[in-house]
Amino acid sequence: MIGVSRFSASAAGTTIARMGRRGHALRLAGRKLLAALPEAANVVYMAGMKFGSTGQEPLTWAMNSFLPDW
């Protein structure tokens, strides 16, 4: 398992490391950064926005509609 996240909560990265898993912290909207990730047989996309998205409609659209298509 490879975890990729913005890690907006720093404790999340620590928890993943404690479980013996690799974590990659990066800005998810960067194509070059995404291309540098290791190959994976399966991908589970769970980075969508819902709560706290009021006033951030463009970012919400990007995270929920545009980014999963990359």
PDB file of N, CA and C in Angstrom:
ATOM      1  N   MET A   1       0.839  -1.174   0.000  1.00  0.00           N
ATOM      2  CA  MET A   1       0.000   0.000   0.000  1.00  0.00           C
ATOM      3  C   MET A   1       0.886   1.239   0.000  1.00  0.00           C
ATOM      4  N   ILE A   2       0.560   2.175  -0.854  1.00  0.00           N
ATOM      5  CA  ILE A   2       1.255   3.456  -0.924  1.00  0.00           C
ATOM      6  C   ILE A   2       0.210   4.532  -0.691  1.00  0.00           C
ATOM      7  N   GLY A   3       0.423   5.375   0.300  1.00  0.00           N
ATOM      8  CA  GLY A   3      -0.509   6.462   0.586  1.00  0.00           C
ATOM      9  C   GLY A   3      -0.004   7.762  -0.019  1.00  0.00           C
ATOM     10  N   VAL A   4      -0.876   8.440  -0.751  1.00  0.00           N
ATOM     11  CA  VAL A   4      -0.539   9.745  -1.325  1.00  0.00           C
ATOM     12  C   VAL A   4      -1.564  10.731  -0.800  1.00  0.00           C
ATOM     13  N   SER A   5      -1.094  11.824  -0.252  1.00  0.00           N
ATOM     14  CA  SER A   5      -2.008  12.773   0.373  1.00  0.00           C
ATOM     15  C   SER A   5      -1.400  14.158   0.422  1.00  0.00           C
ATOM     16  N   ARG A   6      -2.273  15.120   0.625  1.00  0.00           N
ATOM     17  CA  ARG A   6      -1.804  16.474   0.932  1.00  0.00           C
ATOM     18  C   ARG A   6      -1.357  16.520   2.385  1.00  0.00           C
ATOM     19  N   PHE A   7      -1.767  15.546   3.176  1.00  0.00           N
ATOM     20  CA  PHE A   7      -1.477  15.454   4.599  1.00  0.00           C
ATOM     21  C   PHE A   7      -1.738  16.793   5.295  1.00  0.00           C
ATOM     22  N   SER A   8      -2.950  17.313   5.114  1.00  0.00           N
ATOM     23  CA  SER A   8      -3.318  18.568   5.775  1.00  0.00           C
ATOM     24  C   SER A   8      -3.302  18.409   7.290  1.00  0.00           C
ATOM     25  N   ALA A   9      -3.449  17.185   7.768  1.00  0.00           N
ATOM     26  CA  ALA A   9      -3.287  16.887   9.199  1.00  0.00           C
ATOM     27  C   ALA A   9      -1.979  16.111   9.330  1.00  0.00           C
ATOM     28  N   SER A  10      -0.977  16.719   9.945  1.00  0.00           N
ATOM     29  CA  SER A  10       0.348  16.090  10.005  1.00  0.00           C
ATOM     30  C   SER A  10       0.330  14.745  10.714  1.00  0.00           C
ATOM     31  N   ALA A  11      -0.597  14.528  11.607  1.00  0.00           N
ATOM     32  CA  ALA A  11      -0.680  13.252  12.324  1.00  0.00           C
ATOM     33  C   ALA A  11      -0.980  12.098  11.373  1.00  0.00           C
ATOM     34  N   ALA A  12      -1.650  12.369  10.269  1.00  0.00           N
ATOM     35  CA  ALA A  12      -1.988  11.296   9.321  1.00  0.00           C
ATOM     36  C   ALA A  12      -0.737  10.662   8.740  1.00  0.00           C
ATOM     37  N   GLY A  13       0.243  11.465   8.367  1.00  0.00           N
ATOM     38  CA  GLY A  13       1.490  10.928   7.833  1.00  0.00           C
ATOM     39  C   GLY A  13       2.230  10.089   8.852  1.00  0.00           C
ATOM     40  N   THR A  14       2.224  10.516  10.095  1.00  0.00           N
ATOM     41  CA  THR A  14       2.880   9.770  11.170  1.00  0.00           C
ATOM     42  C   THR A  14       2.184   8.429  11.384  1.00  0.00           C
ATOM     43  N   THR A  15       0.867   8.433  11.357  1.00  0.00           N
ATOM     44  CA  THR A  15       0.100   7.191  11.541  1.00  0.00           C
ATOM     45  C   THR A  15       0.400   6.201  10.429  1.00  0.00           C
ATOM     46  N   ILE A  16       0.458   6.672   9.200  1.00  0.00           N
ATOM     47  CA  ILE A  16       0.756   5.789   8.067  1.00  0.00           C
ATOM     48  C   ILE A  16       2.144   5.181   8.221  1.00  0.00           C
ATOM     49  N   ALA A  17       3.123   5.995   8.610  1.00  0.00           N
ATOM     50  CA  ALA A  17       4.490   5.503   8.795  1.00  0.00           C
ATOM     51  C   ALA A  17       4.558   4.466   9.912  1.00  0.00           C
ATOM     52  N   ARG A  18       3.814   4.680  10.989  1.00  0.00           N
ATOM     53  CA  ARG A  18       3.794   3.726  12.101  1.00  0.00           C
ATOM     54  C   ARG A  18       3.228   2.372  11.673  1.00  0.00           C
ATOM     55  N   MET A  19       2.358   2.383  10.691  1.00  0.00           N
ATOM     56  CA  MET A  19       1.769   1.141  10.187  1.00  0.00           C
ATOM     57  C   MET A  19       2.721   0.425   9.232  1.00  0.00           C
ATOM     58  N   GLY A  20       3.901   1.010   8.999  1.00  0.00           N
ATOM     59  CA  GLY A  20       4.865   0.385   8.107  1.00  0.00           C
ATOM     60  C   GLY A  20       4.571   0.613   6.641  1.00  0.00           C
ATOM     61  N   ARG A  21       3.817   1.633   6.331  1.00  0.00           N
ATOM     62  CA  ARG A  21       3.433   1.932   4.950  1.00  0.00           C
ATOM     63  C   ARG A  21       4.202   3.142   4.446  1.00  0.00           C
ATOM     64  N   ARG A  22       4.332   3.231   3.148  1.00  0.00           N
ATOM     65  CA  ARG A  22       4.991   4.382   2.542  1.00  0.00           C
ATOM     66  C   ARG A  22       3.968   5.479   2.293  1.00  0.00           C
ATOM     67  N   GLY A  23       4.360   6.676   2.579  1.00  0.00           N
ATOM     68  CA  GLY A  23       3.496   7.819   2.328  1.00  0.00           C
ATOM     69  C   GLY A  23       4.209   8.838   1.455  1.00  0.00           C
ATOM     70  N   HIS A  24       3.475   9.440   0.538  1.00  0.00           N
ATOM     71  CA  HIS A  24       4.008  10.487  -0.322  1.00  0.00           C
ATOM     72  C   HIS A  24       3.159  11.729  -0.110  1.00  0.00           C
ATOM     73  N   ALA A  25       3.769  12.780   0.383  1.00  0.00           N
ATOM     74  CA  ALA A  25       3.050  14.043   0.553  1.00  0.00           C
ATOM     75  C   ALA A  25       3.317  14.897  -0.677  1.00  0.00           C
ATOM     76  N   LEU A  26       2.255  15.295  -1.359  1.00  0.00           N
ATOM     77  CA  LEU A  26       2.429  16.146  -2.531  1.00  0.00           C
ATOM     78  C   LEU A  26       1.160  16.903  -2.858  1.00  0.00           C
ATOM     79  N   ARG A  27       1.332  17.914  -3.665  1.00  0.00           N
ATOM     80  CA  ARG A  27       0.207  18.704  -4.166  1.00  0.00           C
ATOM     81  C   ARG A  27      -0.432  17.879  -5.277  1.00  0.00           C
ATOM     82  N   LEU A  28      -1.616  17.380  -5.054  1.00  0.00           N
ATOM     83  CA  LEU A  28      -2.224  16.410  -5.956  1.00  0.00           C
ATOM     84  C   LEU A  28      -2.517  16.943  -7.346  1.00  0.00           C
ATOM     85  N   ALA A  29      -2.592  18.250  -7.520  1.00  0.00           N
ATOM     86  CA  ALA A  29      -2.926  18.809  -8.824  1.00  0.00           C
ATOM     87  C   ALA A  29      -1.702  19.028  -9.708  1.00  0.00           C
ATOM     88  N   GLY A  30      -0.566  18.483  -9.361  1.00  0.00           N
ATOM     89  CA  GLY A  30       0.634  18.638 -10.184  1.00  0.00           C
ATOM     90  C   GLY A  30       0.888  17.400 -11.020  1.00  0.00           C
ATOM     91  N   ARG A  31       0.686  17.486 -12.336  1.00  0.00           N
ATOM     92  CA  ARG A  31       0.850  16.318 -13.220  1.00  0.00           C
ATOM     93  C   ARG A  31       2.230  15.697 -13.123  1.00  0.00           C
ATOM     94  N   LYS A  32       3.278  16.534 -13.079  1.00  0.00           N
ATOM     95  CA  LYS A  32       4.638  15.997 -13.009  1.00  0.00           C
ATOM     96  C   LYS A  32       4.840  15.228 -11.709  1.00  0.00           C
ATOM     97  N   LEU A  33       4.261  15.730 -10.621  1.00  0.00           N
ATOM     98  CA  LEU A  33       4.386  15.046  -9.335  1.00  0.00           C
ATOM     99  C   LEU A  33       3.657  13.709  -9.366  1.00  0.00           C
ATOM    100  N   LEU A  34       2.465  13.697  -9.941  1.00  0.00           N
ATOM    101  CA  LEU A  34       1.706  12.446 -10.034  1.00  0.00           C
ATOM    102  C   LEU A  34       2.429  11.433 -10.910  1.00  0.00           C
ATOM    103  N   ALA A  35       3.041  11.898 -11.985  1.00  0.00           N
ATOM    104  CA  ALA A  35       3.746  11.002 -12.898  1.00  0.00           C
ATOM    105  C   ALA A  35       4.968  10.363 -12.230  1.00  0.00           C
ATOM    106  N   ALA A  36       5.514  11.019 -11.214  1.00  0.00           N
ATOM    107  CA  ALA A  36       6.702  10.500 -10.529  1.00  0.00           C
ATOM    108  C   ALA A  36       6.377   9.439  -9.480  1.00  0.00           C
ATOM    109  N   LEU A  37       5.108   9.217  -9.205  1.00  0.00           N
ATOM    110  CA  LEU A  37       4.733   8.202  -8.210  1.00  0.00           C
ATOM    111  C   LEU A  37       5.029   6.805  -8.744  1.00  0.00           C
ATOM    112  N   PRO A  38       5.266   5.849  -7.865  1.00  0.00           N
ATOM    113  CA  PRO A  38       5.526   4.477  -8.320  1.00  0.00           C
ATOM    114  C   PRO A  38       4.297   3.880  -9.004  1.00  0.00           C
ATOM    115  N   GLU A  39       4.533   2.941  -9.900  1.00  0.00           N
ATOM    116  CA  GLU A  39       3.442   2.238 -10.577  1.00  0.00           C
ATOM    117  C   GLU A  39       2.639   1.452  -9.546  1.00  0.00           C
ATOM    118  N   ALA A  40       1.341   1.350  -9.773  1.00  0.00           N
ATOM    119  CA  ALA A  40       0.468   0.588  -8.876  1.00  0.00           C
ATOM    120  C   ALA A  40      -0.573  -0.158  -9.704  1.00  0.00           C
ATOM    121  N   ALA A  41      -0.862  -1.374  -9.309  1.00  0.00           N
ATOM    122  CA  ALA A  41      -1.853  -2.175 -10.027  1.00  0.00           C
ATOM    123  C   ALA A  41      -3.258  -1.623  -9.836  1.00  0.00           C
ATOM    124  N   ASN A  42      -3.535  -1.068  -8.667  1.00  0.00           N
ATOM    125  CA  ASN A  42      -4.862  -0.543  -8.357  1.00  0.00           C
ATOM    126  C   ASN A  42      -4.724   0.823  -7.704  1.00  0.00           C
ATOM    127  N   VAL A  43      -5.690   1.684  -7.972  1.00  0.00           N
ATOM    128  CA  VAL A  43      -5.706   3.019  -7.372  1.00  0.00           C
ATOM    129  C   VAL A  43      -7.086   3.260  -6.783  1.00  0.00           C
ATOM    130  N   VAL A  44      -7.128   3.706  -5.542  1.00  0.00           N
ATOM    131  CA  VAL A  44      -8.378   4.091  -4.897  1.00  0.00           C
ATOM    132  C   VAL A  44      -8.290   5.595  -4.661  1.00  0.00           C
ATOM    133  N   TYR A  45      -9.133   6.361  -5.338  1.00  0.00           N
ATOM    134  CA  TYR A  45      -9.105   7.814  -5.243  1.00  0.00           C
ATOM    135  C   TYR A  45     -10.075   8.246  -4.152  1.00  0.00           C
ATOM    136  N   MET A  46      -9.554   8.860  -3.098  1.00  0.00           N
ATOM    137  CA  MET A  46     -10.399   9.284  -1.978  1.00  0.00           C
ATOM    138  C   MET A  46     -10.079  10.723  -1.574  1.00  0.00           C
ATOM    139  N   ALA A  47      -9.684  11.542  -2.526  1.00  0.00           N
ATOM    140  CA  ALA A  47      -9.241  12.899  -2.205  1.00  0.00           C
ATOM    141  C   ALA A  47     -10.300  13.954  -2.489  1.00  0.00           C
ATOM    142  N   GLY A  48     -11.530  13.566  -2.704  1.00  0.00           N
ATOM    143  CA  GLY A  48     -12.578  14.525  -3.018  1.00  0.00           C
ATOM    144  C   GLY A  48     -12.861  15.500  -1.879  1.00  0.00           C
ATOM    145  N   MET A  49     -13.538  16.585  -2.218  1.00  0.00           N
ATOM    146  CA  MET A  49     -13.912  17.598  -1.222  1.00  0.00           C
ATOM    147  C   MET A  49     -15.423  17.596  -1.034  1.00  0.00           C
ATOM    148  N   LYS A  50     -15.847  17.795   0.191  1.00  0.00           N
ATOM    149  CA  LYS A  50     -17.261  17.920   0.492  1.00  0.00           C
ATOM    150  C   LYS A  50     -17.440  18.949   1.584  1.00  0.00           C
ATOM    151  N   PHE A  51     -17.013  18.640   2.773  1.00  0.00           N
ATOM    152  CA  PHE A  51     -17.191  19.547   3.898  1.00  0.00           C
ATOM    153  C   PHE A  51     -16.169  20.672   3.829  1.00  0.00           C
ATOM    154  N   GLY A  52     -16.589  21.874   4.155  1.00  0.00           N
ATOM    155  CA  GLY A  52     -15.688  23.024   4.129  1.00  0.00           C
ATOM    156  C   GLY A  52     -15.421  23.554   2.737  1.00  0.00           C
ATOM    157  N   SER A  53     -16.251  23.188   1.776  1.00  0.00           N
ATOM    158  CA  SER A  53     -16.002  23.611   0.401  1.00  0.00           C
ATOM    159  C   SER A  53     -16.730  24.906   0.017  1.00  0.00           C
ATOM    160  N   THR A  54     -17.573  25.429   0.898  1.00  0.00           N
ATOM    161  CA  THR A  54     -18.275  26.681   0.606  1.00  0.00           C
ATOM    162  C   THR A  54     -17.259  27.790   0.367  1.00  0.00           C
ATOM    163  N   GLY A  55     -17.413  28.483  -0.747  1.00  0.00           N
ATOM    164  CA  GLY A  55     -16.485  29.546  -1.108  1.00  0.00           C
ATOM    165  C   GLY A  55     -15.254  29.036  -1.828  1.00  0.00           C
ATOM    166  N   GLN A  56     -15.115  27.725  -1.960  1.00  0.00           N
ATOM    167  CA  GLN A  56     -13.983  27.123  -2.656  1.00  0.00           C
ATOM    168  C   GLN A  56     -14.472  26.263  -3.815  1.00  0.00           C
ATOM    169  N   GLU A  57     -15.482  26.746  -4.502  1.00  0.00           N
ATOM    170  CA  GLU A  57     -16.112  25.967  -5.564  1.00  0.00           C
ATOM    171  C   GLU A  57     -15.140  25.548  -6.670  1.00  0.00           C
ATOM    172  N   PRO A  58     -14.243  26.429  -7.138  1.00  0.00           N
ATOM    173  CA  PRO A  58     -13.304  25.983  -8.180  1.00  0.00           C
ATOM    174  C   PRO A  58     -12.405  24.830  -7.717  1.00  0.00           C
ATOM    175  N   LEU A  59     -11.904  24.896  -6.498  1.00  0.00           N
ATOM    176  CA  LEU A  59     -11.067  23.821  -5.972  1.00  0.00           C
ATOM    177  C   LEU A  59     -11.891  22.551  -5.791  1.00  0.00           C
ATOM    178  N   THR A  60     -13.121  22.686  -5.324  1.00  0.00           N
ATOM    179  CA  THR A  60     -13.997  21.533  -5.155  1.00  0.00           C
ATOM    180  C   THR A  60     -14.235  20.848  -6.497  1.00  0.00           C
ATOM    181  N   TRP A  61     -14.501  21.632  -7.536  1.00  0.00           N
ATOM    182  CA  TRP A  61     -14.705  21.071  -8.875  1.00  0.00           C
ATOM    183  C   TRP A  61     -13.445  20.338  -9.335  1.00  0.00           C
ATOM    184  N   ALA A  62     -12.294  20.956  -9.141  1.00  0.00           N
ATOM    185  CA  ALA A  62     -11.041  20.350  -9.578  1.00  0.00           C
ATOM    186  C   ALA A  62     -10.793  19.024  -8.860  1.00  0.00           C
ATOM    187  N   MET A  63     -10.985  18.997  -7.556  1.00  0.00           N
ATOM    188  CA  MET A  63     -10.710  17.790  -6.770  1.00  0.00           C
ATOM    189  C   MET A  63     -11.712  16.673  -7.072  1.00  0.00           C
ATOM    190  N   ASN A  64     -12.976  17.016  -7.333  1.00  0.00           N
ATOM    191  CA  ASN A  64     -14.027  16.005  -7.485  1.00  0.00           C
ATOM    192  C   ASN A  64     -14.286  15.588  -8.932  1.00  0.00           C
ATOM    193  N   SER A  65     -13.957  16.439  -9.889  1.00  0.00           N
ATOM    194  CA  SER A  65     -14.295  16.145 -11.282  1.00  0.00           C
ATOM    195  C   SER A  65     -13.071  16.061 -12.192  1.00  0.00           C
ATOM    196  N   PHE A  66     -12.195  17.018 -12.095  1.00  0.00           N
ATOM    197  CA  PHE A  66     -11.062  17.114 -13.006  1.00  0.00           C
ATOM    198  C   PHE A  66      -9.922  16.163 -12.628  1.00  0.00           C
ATOM    199  N   LEU A  67      -9.494  16.212 -11.395  1.00  0.00           N
ATOM    200  CA  LEU A  67      -8.329  15.441 -10.962  1.00  0.00           C
ATOM    201  C   LEU A  67      -8.494  13.929 -11.122  1.00  0.00           C
ATOM    202  N   PRO A  68      -9.650  13.333 -10.818  1.00  0.00           N
ATOM    203  CA  PRO A  68      -9.761  11.874 -10.974  1.00  0.00           C
ATOM    204  C   PRO A  68      -9.570  11.399 -12.414  1.00  0.00           C
ATOM    205  N   ASP A  69      -9.736  12.276 -13.391  1.00  0.00           N
ATOM    206  CA  ASP A  69      -9.595  11.896 -14.795  1.00  0.00           C
ATOM    207  C   ASP A  69      -8.139  11.839 -15.242  1.00  0.00           C
ATOM    208  N   TRP A  70      -7.209  12.352 -14.428  1.00  0.00           N
ATOM    209  CA  TRP A  70      -5.791  12.322 -14.805  1.00  0.00           C
ATOM    210  C   TRP A  70      -5.354  10.921 -14.782  1.00  0.00           C
TER     211      TRP A  70
END
